[in-house]
Each structure stands twice: as C-alpha cells, then as structure tokens.
Amino acid sequence: MVCKITFTKQVRRREAAYTLVETSVGMGLAVMLILAVVSFSLYSARSFAGLGNYVDLETSSQKALDTMTRDIRQTRCLEQIKPNELVFRDWDGKTLSFRYAPEQKTLLREKDGAIQVLLSECDFLVFSNYQRNPYYAQYEQYPVTTAATNTKLISVSWLCSRKITGTRLNTESVQTAKIVIRNQ
C-alpha cells in the first residue's frame, strides 16, 4: 500500500510566530496604556478625596457657624474679648464662652462647665468686635471703645484644612461672619 499526501499546507516562515520586534512594540504599548490608566485612577482618587474633605469641612463649618450665630444673638452682652476667646453673659444670666485653642486647632464652646468642640482642624481663627452702626457710605463698622457697653457686632473668621495623601491642602475657603447681638 502506497500512501500519498494529497494536500500539504506549507507554512511560511513569516506566519509562524511573532518576531522579537513585534513583541517588544506590543509590550511597550501595553505598558503605556496601563500607566495611563493607573495615573488617571490616582488623579481621580485624589480629586474625589479632596471633594469629600471639602464637603465635610464645609458642613462642619456651617454647623459651627449656625451654633455660634444662634448663641451670640441670644446673649445679653459681651463681657470679655481676648484674641482667642469671647466671653458673653447669656440670656439666662450664665457665662457662655467661645475659645480657639491653636495648639489643638479646635474651636470650643463652653457653658455650665460643658465643653463642646465646634470645629476641629482649624488652622486660623480671629474674633473682632464692633459697634452696630457702619461708617458713612461704607460696609465697615466702627471699632468699639469698651467691650461690655458698646459691642453690638461680633466678627469671626477662620480657615480649616486637612491632609490629603500626605500633603496639607486648604480644602476650604475662609469662612467669615458678622453676628449682631440682638438683646443689647
């Protein structure tokens, strides 16, 4: 019996496999694509963390400002002002104070011995007191001569920030408010 091969597929040398150059170019393109995806992911993660911190700081600042506004508007008078502290006589005759502790970076509210943290991670805070009446044709108020008798308006400004991926970034703009003491 004689066996004959009737059909043969001849494989050319170029179709047999990838060459070294083709493999190197393919791997280089794959590495560049992976690096682009990873860098975009890191950038997006940092942006989302920044947005989350901004929203959280803005929420806590708004809550602190609402608490201060409510309490200061109801006080009878300002008894004492220091660069980092305000002491009021509250509507019920008790002492109410707001104190900024720069070492701990916190704004504290104290009444009846109960201390409440209004703000944390606060880098800068300043209190000012004014009379209620503004300068003629301007938006600024007159400075006071004596704190207890002339203060009608309290100005407060602060700046909070957090660390994002190891670097401290200002994730909030400066918060400023002018609060009028209503009972005086």
Protein backbone atom coordinates (compact mmCIF):
# COMPACT_ATOMS: atom_id res chain seq x y z
CA MET A 1 0.00 0.00 0.00
CA VAL A 2 1.28 3.33 -1.04
CA CYS A 3 0.40 6.43 0.96
CA LYS A 4 0.50 9.69 -0.76
CA ILE A 5 -0.01 13.07 0.74
CA THR A 6 -2.53 14.80 -1.38
CA PHE A 7 -2.73 18.17 0.38
CA THR A 8 0.02 19.96 2.17
CA LYS A 9 -0.16 23.31 3.73
CA GLN A 10 3.11 24.96 3.52
CA VAL A 11 3.75 27.27 6.41
CA ARG A 12 5.71 30.29 5.54
CA ARG A 13 8.37 31.43 7.87
CA ARG A 14 6.78 34.90 8.45
CA GLU A 15 3.44 33.38 9.60
CA ALA A 16 4.93 31.02 12.11
CA ALA A 17 5.17 33.36 15.18
CA TYR A 18 5.73 36.93 16.36
CA THR A 19 9.12 38.38 15.93
CA LEU A 20 11.07 39.98 18.74
CA VAL A 21 10.39 43.49 17.40
CA GLU A 22 6.63 42.90 17.22
CA THR A 23 6.55 41.52 20.77
CA SER A 24 8.58 44.46 22.11
CA VAL A 25 6.32 47.06 20.44
CA GLY A 26 3.18 45.31 21.72
CA MET A 27 4.51 45.12 25.28
CA GLY A 28 5.59 48.79 25.16
CA LEU A 29 2.12 49.89 24.06
CA ALA A 30 0.50 47.75 26.78
CA VAL A 31 2.75 49.24 29.47
CA MET A 32 1.99 52.79 28.29
CA LEU A 33 -1.76 52.05 28.38
CA ILE A 34 -1.52 50.56 31.89
CA LEU A 35 0.49 53.57 33.13
CA ALA A 36 -2.09 55.97 31.69
CA VAL A 37 -4.95 54.12 33.40
CA VAL A 38 -3.10 53.98 36.76
CA SER A 39 -2.17 57.68 36.68
CA PHE A 40 -5.74 58.65 35.80
CA SER A 41 -7.01 56.47 38.66
CA LEU A 42 -4.62 58.08 41.16
CA TYR A 43 -5.56 61.58 39.99
CA SER A 44 -9.27 60.76 40.22
CA ALA A 45 -8.89 59.25 43.69
CA ARG A 46 -7.06 62.36 44.92
CA SER A 47 -9.73 64.62 43.41
CA PHE A 48 -12.55 62.63 44.99
CA ALA A 49 -10.77 62.68 48.37
CA GLY A 50 -10.37 66.45 48.06
CA LEU A 51 -14.04 66.91 47.21
CA GLY A 52 -15.06 64.69 50.12
CA ASN A 53 -12.88 66.66 52.52
CA TYR A 54 -14.19 69.95 51.18
CA VAL A 55 -17.80 68.86 51.70
CA ASP A 56 -17.05 67.56 55.20
CA LEU A 57 -15.19 70.72 56.26
CA GLU A 58 -17.88 72.95 54.76
CA THR A 59 -20.59 71.03 56.63
CA SER A 60 -18.78 71.24 59.97
CA SER A 61 -18.04 74.96 59.40
CA GLN A 62 -21.67 75.67 58.62
CA LYS A 63 -22.81 73.77 61.71
CA ALA A 64 -20.32 75.66 63.91
CA LEU A 65 -21.37 78.99 62.41
CA ASP A 66 -25.06 78.20 62.94
CA THR A 67 -24.41 77.30 66.59
CA MET A 68 -22.35 80.44 67.20
CA THR A 69 -24.90 82.67 65.47
CA ARG A 70 -27.80 81.23 67.46
CA ASP A 71 -25.97 81.54 70.78
CA ILE A 72 -24.43 85.00 70.23
CA ARG A 73 -27.70 86.54 69.04
CA GLN A 74 -29.40 85.46 72.28
CA THR A 75 -26.73 86.79 74.67
CA ARG A 76 -27.21 89.87 76.83
CA CYS A 77 -23.75 91.34 76.38
CA LEU A 78 -20.10 90.68 75.67
CA GLU A 79 -18.19 90.64 78.95
CA GLN A 80 -14.66 90.00 77.75
CA ILE A 81 -12.80 89.64 74.49
CA LYS A 82 -9.31 88.22 74.02
CA PRO A 83 -7.53 87.40 70.76
CA ASN A 84 -8.65 83.76 71.04
CA GLU A 85 -11.69 83.98 73.31
CA LEU A 86 -15.11 85.59 73.63
CA VAL A 87 -16.97 85.59 76.97
CA PHE A 88 -20.66 86.52 77.00
CA ARG A 89 -23.41 86.92 79.58
CA ASP A 90 -26.06 84.60 78.18
CA TRP A 91 -29.83 85.13 78.15
CA ASP A 92 -30.19 83.06 81.35
CA GLY A 93 -27.51 85.04 83.23
CA LYS A 94 -24.85 82.32 82.92
CA THR A 95 -21.46 82.64 81.25
CA LEU A 96 -21.04 81.48 77.65
CA SER A 97 -17.62 81.40 76.02
CA PHE A 98 -16.13 80.56 72.65
CA ARG A 99 -12.41 79.77 72.74
CA TYR A 100 -9.97 78.94 69.98
CA ALA A 101 -7.15 76.58 71.01
CA PRO A 102 -4.42 76.98 68.35
CA GLU A 103 -2.34 74.08 69.72
CA GLN A 104 -5.21 71.61 69.25
CA LYS A 105 -6.62 73.51 66.25
CA THR A 106 -10.13 73.48 67.75
CA LEU A 107 -12.91 75.97 68.45
CA LEU A 108 -14.59 75.22 71.77
CA ARG A 109 -17.95 76.32 73.19
CA GLU A 110 -18.27 76.29 76.97
CA LYS A 111 -21.38 76.80 79.08
CA ASP A 112 -22.16 75.46 82.56
CA GLY A 113 -18.87 73.54 82.57
CA ALA A 114 -19.88 71.57 79.46
CA ILE A 115 -17.32 71.88 76.69
CA GLN A 116 -18.35 71.22 73.10
CA VAL A 117 -15.95 71.07 70.13
CA LEU A 118 -17.46 73.17 67.35
CA LEU A 119 -14.55 72.98 64.89
CA SER A 120 -11.53 70.76 64.53
CA GLU A 121 -8.56 71.06 62.15
CA CYS A 122 -8.90 74.84 62.28
CA ASP A 123 -5.63 76.48 61.22
CA PHE A 124 -6.58 80.10 61.80
CA LEU A 125 -9.34 81.88 63.73
CA VAL A 126 -9.79 85.52 64.71
CA PHE A 127 -12.51 87.35 66.67
CA SER A 128 -13.30 91.09 66.33
CA ASN A 129 -15.94 93.28 67.92
CA TYR A 130 -17.61 96.40 66.55
CA GLN A 131 -20.45 98.80 67.10
CA ARG A 132 -23.50 98.08 65.02
CA ASN A 133 -23.61 101.36 63.12
CA PRO A 134 -21.47 101.40 59.95
CA TYR A 135 -19.17 104.10 58.67
CA TYR A 136 -20.89 106.62 56.44
CA ALA A 137 -21.39 105.12 52.92
CA GLN A 138 -19.25 102.04 53.70
CA TYR A 139 -19.80 98.48 54.81
CA GLU A 140 -17.32 98.53 57.70
CA GLN A 141 -18.35 99.11 61.31
CA TYR A 142 -16.92 101.45 63.94
CA PRO A 143 -14.48 99.85 66.37
CA VAL A 144 -15.62 99.80 70.00
CA THR A 145 -14.07 101.70 72.88
CA THR A 146 -15.25 99.42 75.71
CA ALA A 147 -16.25 95.83 75.09
CA ALA A 148 -19.06 95.48 77.60
CA THR A 149 -21.07 98.58 76.73
CA ASN A 150 -20.52 99.24 73.05
CA THR A 151 -20.23 95.85 71.35
CA LYS A 152 -23.16 95.19 69.08
CA LEU A 153 -21.49 93.09 66.40
CA ILE A 154 -19.03 90.18 66.53
CA SER A 155 -16.94 89.26 63.52
CA VAL A 156 -15.39 85.81 63.28
CA SER A 157 -13.13 84.39 60.53
CA TRP A 158 -11.47 81.01 60.23
CA LEU A 159 -9.69 78.67 57.86
CA CYS A 160 -9.69 74.87 58.11
CA SER A 161 -7.60 72.34 56.19
CA ARG A 162 -6.76 68.65 56.13
CA LYS A 163 -4.04 66.40 54.85
CA ILE A 164 -4.82 64.64 51.60
CA THR A 165 -2.44 61.84 50.65
CA GLY A 166 0.22 63.19 52.98
CA THR A 167 0.16 66.86 51.95
CA ARG A 168 -1.78 69.60 53.73
CA LEU A 169 -4.14 71.30 51.34
CA ASN A 170 -6.56 74.11 52.03
CA THR A 171 -9.78 72.37 51.21
CA GLU A 172 -11.98 75.21 52.32
CA SER A 173 -12.11 78.93 51.71
CA VAL A 174 -12.01 81.39 54.60
CA GLN A 175 -15.29 81.45 56.50
CA THR A 176 -16.31 84.91 57.72
CA ALA A 177 -19.44 86.05 59.52
CA LYS A 178 -20.69 89.14 61.28
CA ILE A 179 -23.13 88.36 64.07
CA VAL A 180 -25.32 91.01 65.71
CA ILE A 181 -26.12 90.77 69.42
CA ARG A 182 -29.89 91.28 69.43
CA ASN A 183 -30.55 91.79 73.14
CA GLN A 184 -28.29 94.80 73.54
